Amino acid sequence: MNAAIVIPARFQSGRLPGKPMIQLAGVPMIERTYRRCALGFPAEHIYVATDDERIYRHCVGVGIRTLMTSPDCPTGTDRVAEVADSVAADLYINVQGDEPLFNPRDIQLILDAAEANPGEVLNGVCPIDTEERFRSPSIPKVVMRPDGRLLYMSRAAIPTNKSFEFKKAWRQVCIYAFTSEALGAYRSVKGKTGLEEIEDIEILRFLELGFDVRMVPVSSDSVAVDTPADVATVEEILRQRDR
């Protein structure tokens, strides 16, 4: 399968400004995410997509293929859709730039799922292992059909019972895969769709457009960086790995 990985990176993050260039044990986060992807995929088919000159200059300086995209892209997936105009592929894999602990073996899991389910929109998922993560508004929680297709995704603590207890739940892992046709439909929407806007979860746009989204079980290594506390968590994990 002719596939490309696109890592969208936006400097102006509302929750953590300058996020892609935050140093994690001495290396900018965007570079760490790229390095993880390059462990599991040919580097010549990995691209960073950004609208910021600082990110562009750094990435080009360390040998990363980098494309400038419009500052008007409301989400990373819109940025990937723009890249699809100039990079031909059968499948576009979106790895969010704030995934510096991304497990490169997950790339093959997504490729295998794409082969088994041609044309479908794919997204990673793993179990939630702590109540803290279940309650965190930074972590999108996933509710699926028995066959793995997405029913809904929310920052709320779902699924739960009448007492709002944490029983069993799943979280999104920010690796996605799309065909150019799916990206074209996504990009045709001007601005965010209703539920996407409320939840601030970009994959919901596909549900609102009538697409099935298949959730693909991947590793639980991911720690998405959204807050200063996440930065500290990732740096501690990196220190542990270096010992």
Protein backbone atom coordinates (compact mmCIF):
# COMPACT_ATOMS: atom_id res chain seq x y z
CA MET A 1 0.00 0.00 0.00
CA ASN A 2 1.29 3.45 -0.95
CA ALA A 3 1.01 5.27 2.37
CA ALA A 4 2.33 8.52 3.82
CA ILE A 5 2.57 9.67 7.41
CA VAL A 6 1.70 13.32 8.05
CA ILE A 7 2.46 14.90 11.42
CA PRO A 8 0.44 18.12 11.78
CA ALA A 9 2.02 20.74 14.04
CA ARG A 10 0.47 24.06 15.06
CA PHE A 11 2.42 26.53 17.20
CA GLN A 12 -0.60 28.38 18.61
CA SER A 13 -2.09 25.74 20.88
CA GLY A 14 -4.81 27.16 23.14
CA ARG A 15 -3.90 24.98 26.12
CA LEU A 16 -0.12 24.92 25.67
CA PRO A 17 1.24 27.68 23.39
CA GLY A 18 4.33 26.73 21.41
CA LYS A 19 3.66 23.06 22.11
CA PRO A 20 5.52 21.48 19.14
CA MET A 21 8.76 23.25 20.10
CA ILE A 22 8.63 22.48 23.82
CA GLN A 23 11.86 20.78 24.87
CA LEU A 24 11.46 17.25 26.18
CA ALA A 25 14.76 16.14 27.67
CA GLY A 26 16.54 18.53 25.31
CA VAL A 27 14.69 17.66 22.08
CA PRO A 28 11.65 19.56 20.67
CA MET A 29 8.45 17.55 20.91
CA ILE A 30 7.79 17.61 17.16
CA GLU A 31 11.21 16.09 16.51
CA ARG A 32 10.64 13.39 19.13
CA THR A 33 7.31 12.47 17.51
CA TYR A 34 8.98 12.28 14.10
CA ARG A 35 11.78 10.08 15.47
CA ARG A 36 9.23 7.64 16.88
CA CYS A 37 7.45 7.43 13.52
CA ALA A 38 10.74 6.92 11.67
CA LEU A 39 11.42 3.82 13.78
CA GLY A 40 8.44 2.12 12.13
CA PHE A 41 8.08 3.72 8.69
CA PRO A 42 10.36 4.91 5.84
CA ALA A 43 11.56 8.43 6.62
CA GLU A 44 11.15 9.53 2.98
CA HIS A 45 7.39 9.08 3.35
CA ILE A 46 7.01 11.02 6.61
CA TYR A 47 6.07 14.70 6.50
CA VAL A 48 5.57 17.41 9.09
CA ALA A 49 2.79 19.82 8.11
CA THR A 50 2.85 23.22 9.80
CA ASP A 51 1.88 26.86 9.36
CA ASP A 52 4.70 28.19 11.52
CA GLU A 53 8.13 29.28 10.28
CA ARG A 54 9.82 28.34 13.56
CA ILE A 55 8.63 24.75 13.32
CA TYR A 56 9.42 24.66 9.60
CA ARG A 57 12.99 25.91 10.05
CA HIS A 58 13.75 23.50 12.87
CA CYS A 59 12.37 20.46 11.06
CA VAL A 60 14.11 21.23 7.78
CA GLY A 61 17.31 21.85 9.73
CA VAL A 62 17.29 18.33 11.15
CA GLY A 63 16.39 16.70 7.84
CA ILE A 64 12.63 16.22 8.22
CA ARG A 65 10.48 16.59 5.11
CA THR A 66 8.27 19.54 5.97
CA LEU A 67 5.41 21.30 4.18
CA MET A 68 3.95 24.70 4.93
CA THR A 69 0.16 24.67 5.12
CA SER A 70 -2.51 27.31 5.56
CA PRO A 71 -2.88 29.06 8.92
CA ASP A 72 -6.63 28.74 8.45
CA CYS A 73 -6.75 24.95 8.96
CA PRO A 74 -9.05 24.44 11.98
CA THR A 75 -7.68 20.96 12.81
CA GLY A 76 -4.73 18.70 12.16
CA THR A 77 -6.86 16.57 9.85
CA ASP A 78 -7.61 19.64 7.72
CA ARG A 79 -3.85 20.13 7.53
CA VAL A 80 -3.40 16.51 6.40
CA ALA A 81 -6.10 17.06 3.75
CA GLU A 82 -4.14 20.02 2.42
CA VAL A 83 -0.98 17.92 2.23
CA ALA A 84 -2.91 15.37 0.16
CA ASP A 85 -3.11 18.01 -2.61
CA SER A 86 0.64 17.71 -3.18
CA VAL A 87 1.60 14.28 -1.81
CA ALA A 88 0.04 11.34 -3.65
CA ALA A 89 -0.82 8.28 -1.57
CA ASP A 90 -3.48 5.60 -1.20
CA LEU A 91 -3.57 6.11 2.55
CA TYR A 92 -2.69 9.09 4.75
CA ILE A 93 -1.72 8.28 8.32
CA ASN A 94 -2.07 11.20 10.70
CA VAL A 95 0.11 11.02 13.81
CA GLN A 96 -0.52 14.05 15.99
CA GLY A 97 2.57 16.13 16.72
CA ASP A 98 1.97 15.95 20.48
CA GLU A 99 2.63 12.18 20.67
CA PRO A 100 6.34 12.05 21.64
CA LEU A 101 6.00 8.58 23.19
CA PHE A 102 4.14 7.14 20.20
CA ASN A 103 4.77 3.41 19.73
CA PRO A 104 6.10 2.89 16.18
CA ARG A 105 4.69 -0.64 16.08
CA ASP A 106 1.22 0.91 16.03
CA ILE A 107 1.86 2.06 12.45
CA GLN A 108 1.81 -1.53 11.23
CA LEU A 109 -1.40 -2.20 13.17
CA ILE A 110 -3.03 0.69 11.31
CA LEU A 111 -1.68 -0.52 7.95
CA ASP A 112 -3.01 -4.01 8.63
CA ALA A 113 -6.43 -2.60 9.56
CA ALA A 114 -6.46 -0.52 6.37
CA GLU A 115 -5.74 -3.62 4.29
CA ALA A 116 -8.52 -5.54 6.05
CA ASN A 117 -11.04 -2.66 5.86
CA PRO A 118 -10.34 -0.80 2.60
CA GLY A 119 -11.65 2.74 2.35
CA GLU A 120 -12.59 3.07 6.03
CA VAL A 121 -11.58 5.88 8.37
CA LEU A 122 -9.40 4.46 11.15
CA ASN A 123 -8.43 5.71 14.61
CA GLY A 124 -6.37 4.17 17.41
CA VAL A 125 -7.85 3.14 20.75
CA CYS A 126 -6.63 1.52 23.97
CA PRO A 127 -8.11 0.75 27.41
CA ILE A 128 -8.14 3.38 30.13
CA ASP A 129 -6.17 2.08 33.10
CA THR A 130 -6.81 4.68 35.81
CA GLU A 131 -9.72 6.65 37.15
CA GLU A 132 -7.67 9.83 36.79
CA ARG A 133 -7.51 9.32 33.04
CA PHE A 134 -11.20 8.44 32.94
CA ARG A 135 -12.06 11.78 34.57
CA SER A 136 -9.56 13.90 32.60
CA PRO A 137 -11.16 16.33 30.12
CA SER A 138 -7.92 16.26 28.12
CA ILE A 139 -8.47 12.62 27.13
CA PRO A 140 -11.20 11.74 24.60
CA LYS A 141 -13.15 8.70 25.74
CA VAL A 142 -14.37 6.20 23.15
CA VAL A 143 -17.65 4.28 22.97
CA MET A 144 -17.76 1.56 20.29
CA ARG A 145 -20.03 -1.00 18.73
CA PRO A 146 -19.08 -4.65 19.38
CA ASP A 147 -17.42 -4.75 15.94
CA GLY A 148 -15.15 -1.80 16.79
CA ARG A 149 -16.94 0.94 14.88
CA LEU A 150 -17.17 4.24 16.74
CA LEU A 151 -20.50 5.18 18.32
CA TYR A 152 -19.31 8.39 20.00
CA MET A 153 -16.28 10.08 21.47
CA SER A 154 -16.35 12.61 24.30
CA ARG A 155 -14.17 14.43 26.79
CA ALA A 156 -16.79 13.47 29.38
CA ALA A 157 -16.30 10.38 31.53
CA ILE A 158 -18.13 7.76 29.44
CA PRO A 159 -19.41 5.07 29.55
CA THR A 160 -20.63 5.18 33.13
CA ASN A 161 -23.53 4.05 35.31
CA LYS A 162 -26.16 5.85 37.40
CA SER A 163 -23.57 6.48 40.09
CA PHE A 164 -21.06 7.86 37.53
CA GLU A 165 -18.54 5.18 38.46
CA PHE A 166 -15.50 4.15 36.44
CA LYS A 167 -16.12 0.55 35.41
CA LYS A 168 -14.47 0.03 32.01
CA ALA A 169 -13.53 2.56 29.37
CA TRP A 170 -11.31 3.28 26.38
CA ARG A 171 -9.35 6.29 25.21
CA GLN A 172 -8.42 7.64 21.82
CA VAL A 173 -4.83 7.29 20.63
CA CYS A 174 -4.06 10.03 18.15
CA ILE A 175 -3.11 7.99 15.13
CA TYR A 176 -5.62 8.11 12.28
CA ALA A 177 -5.78 6.86 8.69
CA PHE A 178 -7.81 8.21 5.78
CA THR A 179 -8.17 7.85 2.04
CA SER A 180 -7.96 10.96 -0.13
CA GLU A 181 -11.71 10.68 -0.72
CA ALA A 182 -12.49 10.80 2.99
CA LEU A 183 -10.12 13.73 3.44
CA GLY A 184 -11.81 15.56 0.57
CA ALA A 185 -15.21 15.20 2.24
CA TYR A 186 -13.77 16.32 5.57
CA ARG A 187 -12.13 19.38 4.07
CA SER A 188 -15.26 20.36 2.14
CA VAL A 189 -16.84 21.46 5.43
CA LYS A 190 -16.07 25.10 6.13
CA GLY A 191 -15.25 25.22 9.82
CA LYS A 192 -16.03 22.61 12.43
CA THR A 193 -19.25 20.62 12.63
CA GLY A 194 -21.52 20.99 15.66
CA LEU A 195 -20.40 18.13 17.91
CA GLU A 196 -16.81 18.53 16.77
CA GLU A 197 -16.93 22.15 17.92
CA ILE A 198 -18.49 21.35 21.31
CA GLU A 199 -16.18 18.44 22.18
CA ASP A 200 -13.10 19.78 20.36
CA ILE A 201 -12.54 16.29 18.91
CA GLU A 202 -11.84 16.40 15.19
CA ILE A 203 -12.71 12.77 14.39
CA LEU A 204 -16.35 13.54 15.23
CA ARG A 205 -16.64 15.45 11.96
CA PHE A 206 -16.48 12.14 10.11
CA LEU A 207 -19.35 10.74 12.22
CA GLU A 208 -21.40 13.86 11.57
CA LEU A 209 -20.75 13.50 7.84
CA GLY A 210 -22.06 9.92 7.91
CA PHE A 211 -18.74 8.03 7.79
CA ASP A 212 -18.10 4.91 9.82
CA VAL A 213 -14.96 5.24 11.94
CA ARG A 214 -13.25 1.97 12.84
CA MET A 215 -11.32 2.00 16.11
CA VAL A 216 -8.10 -0.01 15.93
CA PRO A 217 -6.66 -1.46 19.17
CA VAL A 218 -3.10 -0.17 19.60
CA SER A 219 -0.59 0.04 22.44
CA SER A 220 -1.20 2.06 25.59
CA ASP A 221 2.24 3.75 25.45
CA SER A 222 0.81 7.02 24.17
CA VAL A 223 0.89 10.08 26.42
CA ALA A 224 -0.52 13.04 24.49
CA VAL A 225 0.91 16.35 25.69
CA ASP A 226 -1.83 18.91 26.37
CA THR A 227 -0.80 20.53 29.67
CA PRO A 228 2.37 21.44 31.61
CA ALA A 229 1.69 18.40 33.81
CA ASP A 230 1.83 16.19 30.71
CA VAL A 231 5.25 17.65 29.88
CA ALA A 232 6.53 16.62 33.30
CA THR A 233 5.04 13.14 32.90
CA VAL A 234 6.69 12.60 29.51
CA GLU A 235 10.06 13.86 30.71
CA GLU A 236 9.96 11.46 33.65
CA ILE A 237 9.19 8.53 31.31
CA LEU A 238 12.08 9.58 29.06
CA ARG A 239 14.41 9.69 32.06
CA GLN A 240 13.29 6.21 33.07
CA ARG A 241 13.95 4.91 29.55
CA ASP A 242 17.48 6.36 29.51
CA ARG A 243 18.47 4.61 32.73
